[in-house]
Amino acid sequence: MSQAYKELDVRPILREGGEPFQEIMAAVQSLASGEGLRLFSTFRPTPLLSLMSRQGFSSETRELDAGDWEITFSPIQGSDTRVAVSTGAEDASDWPEPLWQLDLVDAQPPVPMEKVLSRLSLMEPGEVLFVALGHQSAFLAKELESRGHRWVGASNDEGTVYRMLIRVG
């Protein structure tokens, strides 16, 4: 049986100076079980390759005419493509229960990042925070990692809430 792929062309967004990350993550969240993503971009998105690897996808890149790229993300057999993890958080099964919970589903950027970082600054190393967001935020994930925190995240089945456990570094 051949691999099924959903296609997403973000070249028009990039050529207009836009940021297609939310569209890419929405496409990933909408994938059926076992389905892959074929992405067309104006450049080779190296950070996205790493992020998708942590979400359970292998990738193949191919340069097209005029410097454009085709990136094929295929689900890795046996992995749950709905769960994203930071470096070092691949096994969060031994983390303690969250001490704090933040419901930021209806909050608009930059409020979620500000509230999460503010709460984390009051917590001790090793403590865990649970956060509910309206969508996955690459900016928050990068900021957490840059500050030495570890995180695990996944969308609910409907794709309406992105849940994260964040362990203070």
C-alpha atoms as a PDB file:
ATOM      1  CA  MET A   1       0.000   0.000   0.000  1.00  0.00           C
ATOM      2  CA  SER A   2       1.430   3.419  -0.941  1.00  0.00           C
ATOM      3  CA  GLN A   3       1.748   6.276   1.541  1.00  0.00           C
ATOM      4  CA  ALA A   4      -1.057   8.896   1.483  1.00  0.00           C
ATOM      5  CA  TYR A   5      -0.031  12.561   1.699  1.00  0.00           C
ATOM      6  CA  LYS A   6      -1.855  15.807   2.284  1.00  0.00           C
ATOM      7  CA  GLU A   7      -0.270  18.645   0.252  1.00  0.00           C
ATOM      8  CA  LEU A   8       0.366  22.166   1.499  1.00  0.00           C
ATOM      9  CA  ASP A   9       1.993  24.912  -0.582  1.00  0.00           C
ATOM     10  CA  VAL A  10       3.219  27.771   1.615  1.00  0.00           C
ATOM     11  CA  ARG A  11       5.226  29.491  -1.128  1.00  0.00           C
ATOM     12  CA  PRO A  12       2.580  32.195  -1.745  1.00  0.00           C
ATOM     13  CA  ILE A  13       2.502  33.047   1.978  1.00  0.00           C
ATOM     14  CA  LEU A  14       6.305  33.251   2.151  1.00  0.00           C
ATOM     15  CA  ARG A  15       6.555  35.353  -1.026  1.00  0.00           C
ATOM     16  CA  GLU A  16       4.142  37.864   0.501  1.00  0.00           C
ATOM     17  CA  GLY A  17       6.318  38.100   3.629  1.00  0.00           C
ATOM     18  CA  GLY A  18       3.989  36.042   5.805  1.00  0.00           C
ATOM     19  CA  GLU A  19       4.731  33.321   8.371  1.00  0.00           C
ATOM     20  CA  PRO A  20       3.072  29.984   7.487  1.00  0.00           C
ATOM     21  CA  PHE A  21       3.843  28.094  10.699  1.00  0.00           C
ATOM     22  CA  GLN A  22       0.242  28.083  11.951  1.00  0.00           C
ATOM     23  CA  GLU A  23      -1.012  26.749   8.611  1.00  0.00           C
ATOM     24  CA  ILE A  24       1.630  24.015   8.670  1.00  0.00           C
ATOM     25  CA  MET A  25       0.761  22.955  12.228  1.00  0.00           C
ATOM     26  CA  ALA A  26      -2.973  23.019  11.395  1.00  0.00           C
ATOM     27  CA  ALA A  27      -2.272  20.738   8.424  1.00  0.00           C
ATOM     28  CA  VAL A  28      -0.253  18.382  10.641  1.00  0.00           C
ATOM     29  CA  GLN A  29      -3.046  18.256  13.217  1.00  0.00           C
ATOM     30  CA  SER A  30      -5.601  17.476  10.489  1.00  0.00           C
ATOM     31  CA  LEU A  31      -3.681  14.454   9.169  1.00  0.00           C
ATOM     32  CA  ALA A  32      -5.449  11.131   9.352  1.00  0.00           C
ATOM     33  CA  SER A  33      -3.704   8.310  11.175  1.00  0.00           C
ATOM     34  CA  GLY A  34      -0.757   7.167   9.055  1.00  0.00           C
ATOM     35  CA  GLU A  35      -1.072  10.082   6.622  1.00  0.00           C
ATOM     36  CA  GLY A  36       1.964  12.186   5.689  1.00  0.00           C
ATOM     37  CA  LEU A  37       2.451  15.814   4.612  1.00  0.00           C
ATOM     38  CA  ARG A  38       4.007  17.049   1.379  1.00  0.00           C
ATOM     39  CA  LEU A  39       5.070  20.667   1.884  1.00  0.00           C
ATOM     40  CA  PHE A  40       6.218  23.150  -0.762  1.00  0.00           C
ATOM     41  CA  SER A  41       8.391  26.043   0.437  1.00  0.00           C
ATOM     42  CA  THR A  42      10.724  28.730  -0.909  1.00  0.00           C
ATOM     43  CA  PHE A  43      13.555  27.433   1.305  1.00  0.00           C
ATOM     44  CA  ARG A  44      14.685  24.305   3.163  1.00  0.00           C
ATOM     45  CA  PRO A  45      13.005  24.702   6.591  1.00  0.00           C
ATOM     46  CA  THR A  46      15.699  23.178   8.808  1.00  0.00           C
ATOM     47  CA  PRO A  47      14.058  24.056  12.183  1.00  0.00           C
ATOM     48  CA  LEU A  48      10.777  22.527  11.000  1.00  0.00           C
ATOM     49  CA  LEU A  49      12.573  19.283  10.127  1.00  0.00           C
ATOM     50  CA  SER A  50      13.719  18.973  13.741  1.00  0.00           C
ATOM     51  CA  LEU A  51      10.279  19.842  15.138  1.00  0.00           C
ATOM     52  CA  MET A  52       8.550  17.311  12.891  1.00  0.00           C
ATOM     53  CA  SER A  53      11.081  14.651  13.859  1.00  0.00           C
ATOM     54  CA  ARG A  54      10.122  15.173  17.514  1.00  0.00           C
ATOM     55  CA  GLN A  55       6.467  14.818  16.486  1.00  0.00           C
ATOM     56  CA  GLY A  56       7.094  11.398  14.956  1.00  0.00           C
ATOM     57  CA  PHE A  57       7.813  12.161  11.291  1.00  0.00           C
ATOM     58  CA  SER A  58      10.774  11.365   9.075  1.00  0.00           C
ATOM     59  CA  SER A  59      11.517  13.851   6.305  1.00  0.00           C
ATOM     60  CA  GLU A  60      12.925  13.948   2.816  1.00  0.00           C
ATOM     61  CA  THR A  61      13.862  17.213   1.113  1.00  0.00           C
ATOM     62  CA  ARG A  62      14.242  17.875  -2.575  1.00  0.00           C
ATOM     63  CA  GLU A  63      15.259  21.130  -4.236  1.00  0.00           C
ATOM     64  CA  LEU A  64      12.974  22.108  -7.108  1.00  0.00           C
ATOM     65  CA  ASP A  65      13.430  24.597  -9.928  1.00  0.00           C
ATOM     66  CA  ALA A  66      14.048  28.256  -9.041  1.00  0.00           C
ATOM     67  CA  GLY A  67      15.278  27.407  -5.537  1.00  0.00           C
ATOM     68  CA  ASP A  68      11.948  26.130  -4.202  1.00  0.00           C
ATOM     69  CA  TRP A  69      11.779  22.991  -2.041  1.00  0.00           C
ATOM     70  CA  GLU A  70       9.543  19.971  -1.651  1.00  0.00           C
ATOM     71  CA  ILE A  71       9.601  18.462   1.833  1.00  0.00           C
ATOM     72  CA  THR A  72       7.900  15.134   2.434  1.00  0.00           C
ATOM     73  CA  PHE A  73       7.050  14.255   6.032  1.00  0.00           C
ATOM     74  CA  SER A  74       6.160  10.601   6.596  1.00  0.00           C
ATOM     75  CA  PRO A  75       4.887   9.207   9.892  1.00  0.00           C
ATOM     76  CA  ILE A  76       7.356   6.933  11.620  1.00  0.00           C
ATOM     77  CA  GLN A  77       5.728   3.549  12.209  1.00  0.00           C
ATOM     78  CA  GLY A  78       4.740   3.036  15.834  1.00  0.00           C
ATOM     79  CA  SER A  79       5.005   6.690  16.870  1.00  0.00           C
ATOM     80  CA  ASP A  80       2.167   8.943  17.964  1.00  0.00           C
ATOM     81  CA  THR A  81       2.319  11.910  15.585  1.00  0.00           C
ATOM     82  CA  ARG A  82       0.043  13.982  17.778  1.00  0.00           C
ATOM     83  CA  VAL A  83       2.551  14.345  20.640  1.00  0.00           C
ATOM     84  CA  ALA A  84       5.375  16.884  20.449  1.00  0.00           C
ATOM     85  CA  VAL A  85       8.258  16.908  22.924  1.00  0.00           C
ATOM     86  CA  SER A  86      11.201  19.142  23.645  1.00  0.00           C
ATOM     87  CA  THR A  87      14.730  17.851  23.649  1.00  0.00           C
ATOM     88  CA  GLY A  88      15.244  15.821  26.826  1.00  0.00           C
ATOM     89  CA  ALA A  89      11.527  15.270  27.438  1.00  0.00           C
ATOM     90  CA  GLU A  90      11.131  12.124  25.382  1.00  0.00           C
ATOM     91  CA  ASP A  91      10.126  10.183  28.501  1.00  0.00           C
ATOM     92  CA  ALA A  92       8.014  12.368  30.750  1.00  0.00           C
ATOM     93  CA  SER A  93       6.384   9.413  32.496  1.00  0.00           C
ATOM     94  CA  ASP A  94       8.322  10.032  35.712  1.00  0.00           C
ATOM     95  CA  TRP A  95       7.434  13.735  35.989  1.00  0.00           C
ATOM     96  CA  PRO A  96       5.521  14.774  39.127  1.00  0.00           C
ATOM     97  CA  GLU A  97       1.875  15.843  38.896  1.00  0.00           C
ATOM     98  CA  PRO A  98       1.411  19.511  37.862  1.00  0.00           C
ATOM     99  CA  LEU A  99       1.309  21.952  40.770  1.00  0.00           C
ATOM    100  CA  TRP A 100      -0.301  24.721  38.711  1.00  0.00           C
ATOM    101  CA  GLN A 101      -2.749  24.909  35.817  1.00  0.00           C
ATOM    102  CA  LEU A 102      -3.304  27.756  33.368  1.00  0.00           C
ATOM    103  CA  ASP A 103      -6.307  27.896  31.024  1.00  0.00           C
ATOM    104  CA  LEU A 104      -5.234  30.223  28.201  1.00  0.00           C
ATOM    105  CA  VAL A 105      -7.410  28.794  25.427  1.00  0.00           C
ATOM    106  CA  ASP A 106      -9.101  32.127  24.708  1.00  0.00           C
ATOM    107  CA  ALA A 107      -6.038  34.332  25.288  1.00  0.00           C
ATOM    108  CA  GLN A 108      -4.477  36.041  22.276  1.00  0.00           C
ATOM    109  CA  PRO A 109      -0.690  36.363  21.751  1.00  0.00           C
ATOM    110  CA  PRO A 110       1.439  37.512  23.461  1.00  0.00           C
ATOM    111  CA  VAL A 111      -0.650  36.898  26.619  1.00  0.00           C
ATOM    112  CA  PRO A 112      -0.174  33.098  26.749  1.00  0.00           C
ATOM    113  CA  MET A 113       3.618  33.335  26.560  1.00  0.00           C
ATOM    114  CA  GLU A 114       3.739  36.140  29.132  1.00  0.00           C
ATOM    115  CA  LYS A 115       1.523  34.263  31.620  1.00  0.00           C
ATOM    116  CA  VAL A 116       3.360  30.949  31.177  1.00  0.00           C
ATOM    117  CA  LEU A 117       6.795  32.528  31.623  1.00  0.00           C
ATOM    118  CA  SER A 118       5.574  34.550  34.608  1.00  0.00           C
ATOM    119  CA  ARG A 119       4.203  31.434  36.351  1.00  0.00           C
ATOM    120  CA  LEU A 120       7.360  29.428  35.593  1.00  0.00           C
ATOM    121  CA  SER A 121       9.503  32.146  37.152  1.00  0.00           C
ATOM    122  CA  LEU A 122       7.719  31.503  40.475  1.00  0.00           C
ATOM    123  CA  MET A 123       8.226  27.742  40.384  1.00  0.00           C
ATOM    124  CA  GLU A 124      11.086  25.560  41.610  1.00  0.00           C
ATOM    125  CA  PRO A 125      13.238  23.368  39.332  1.00  0.00           C
ATOM    126  CA  GLY A 126      11.520  20.035  38.661  1.00  0.00           C
ATOM    127  CA  GLU A 127       7.998  21.319  39.282  1.00  0.00           C
ATOM    128  CA  VAL A 128       5.444  20.871  36.494  1.00  0.00           C
ATOM    129  CA  LEU A 129       2.920  23.318  35.025  1.00  0.00           C
ATOM    130  CA  PHE A 130      -0.134  22.281  32.961  1.00  0.00           C
ATOM    131  CA  VAL A 131      -1.219  24.752  30.267  1.00  0.00           C
ATOM    132  CA  ALA A 132      -4.229  24.706  27.926  1.00  0.00           C
ATOM    133  CA  LEU A 133      -3.770  26.883  24.825  1.00  0.00           C
ATOM    134  CA  GLY A 134      -5.904  27.687  21.797  1.00  0.00           C
ATOM    135  CA  HIS A 135      -3.192  26.359  19.470  1.00  0.00           C
ATOM    136  CA  GLN A 136       0.381  25.090  19.381  1.00  0.00           C
ATOM    137  CA  SER A 137       2.921  27.909  19.680  1.00  0.00           C
ATOM    138  CA  ALA A 138       6.357  27.410  18.167  1.00  0.00           C
ATOM    139  CA  PHE A 139       7.492  30.674  19.736  1.00  0.00           C
ATOM    140  CA  LEU A 140       6.566  29.494  23.235  1.00  0.00           C
ATOM    141  CA  ALA A 141       8.210  26.113  22.644  1.00  0.00           C
ATOM    142  CA  LYS A 142      11.461  27.758  21.497  1.00  0.00           C
ATOM    143  CA  GLU A 143      11.432  30.174  24.427  1.00  0.00           C
ATOM    144  CA  LEU A 144      10.864  27.369  26.930  1.00  0.00           C
ATOM    145  CA  GLU A 145      13.790  25.385  25.508  1.00  0.00           C
ATOM    146  CA  SER A 146      16.053  28.445  25.457  1.00  0.00           C
ATOM    147  CA  ARG A 147      15.349  28.899  29.190  1.00  0.00           C
ATOM    148  CA  GLY A 148      16.147  25.256  29.952  1.00  0.00           C
ATOM    149  CA  HIS A 149      12.587  24.048  30.507  1.00  0.00           C
ATOM    150  CA  ARG A 150      11.275  20.781  29.076  1.00  0.00           C
ATOM    151  CA  TRP A 151       7.797  20.299  27.662  1.00  0.00           C
ATOM    152  CA  VAL A 152       5.400  17.780  26.174  1.00  0.00           C
ATOM    153  CA  GLY A 153       2.383  18.891  24.130  1.00  0.00           C
ATOM    154  CA  ALA A 154      -0.564  17.512  22.199  1.00  0.00           C
ATOM    155  CA  SER A 155      -3.876  18.699  20.781  1.00  0.00           C
ATOM    156  CA  ASN A 156      -7.153  17.265  21.959  1.00  0.00           C
ATOM    157  CA  ASP A 157      -8.978  14.980  19.493  1.00  0.00           C
ATOM    158  CA  GLU A 158     -11.008  17.878  18.090  1.00  0.00           C
ATOM    159  CA  GLY A 159      -7.890  20.046  17.608  1.00  0.00           C
ATOM    160  CA  THR A 160      -9.438  22.912  19.573  1.00  0.00           C
ATOM    161  CA  VAL A 161      -7.105  22.862  22.599  1.00  0.00           C
ATOM    162  CA  TYR A 162      -3.343  22.387  22.719  1.00  0.00           C
ATOM    163  CA  ARG A 163      -2.252  20.955  26.092  1.00  0.00           C
ATOM    164  CA  MET A 164       1.273  21.221  27.463  1.00  0.00           C
ATOM    165  CA  LEU A 165       3.089  19.904  30.492  1.00  0.00           C
ATOM    166  CA  ILE A 166       6.111  22.066  31.234  1.00  0.00           C
ATOM    167  CA  ARG A 167       8.824  20.973  33.664  1.00  0.00           C
ATOM    168  CA  VAL A 168      10.888  23.788  35.142  1.00  0.00           C
ATOM    169  CA  GLY A 169      14.565  23.502  34.285  1.00  0.00           C
END
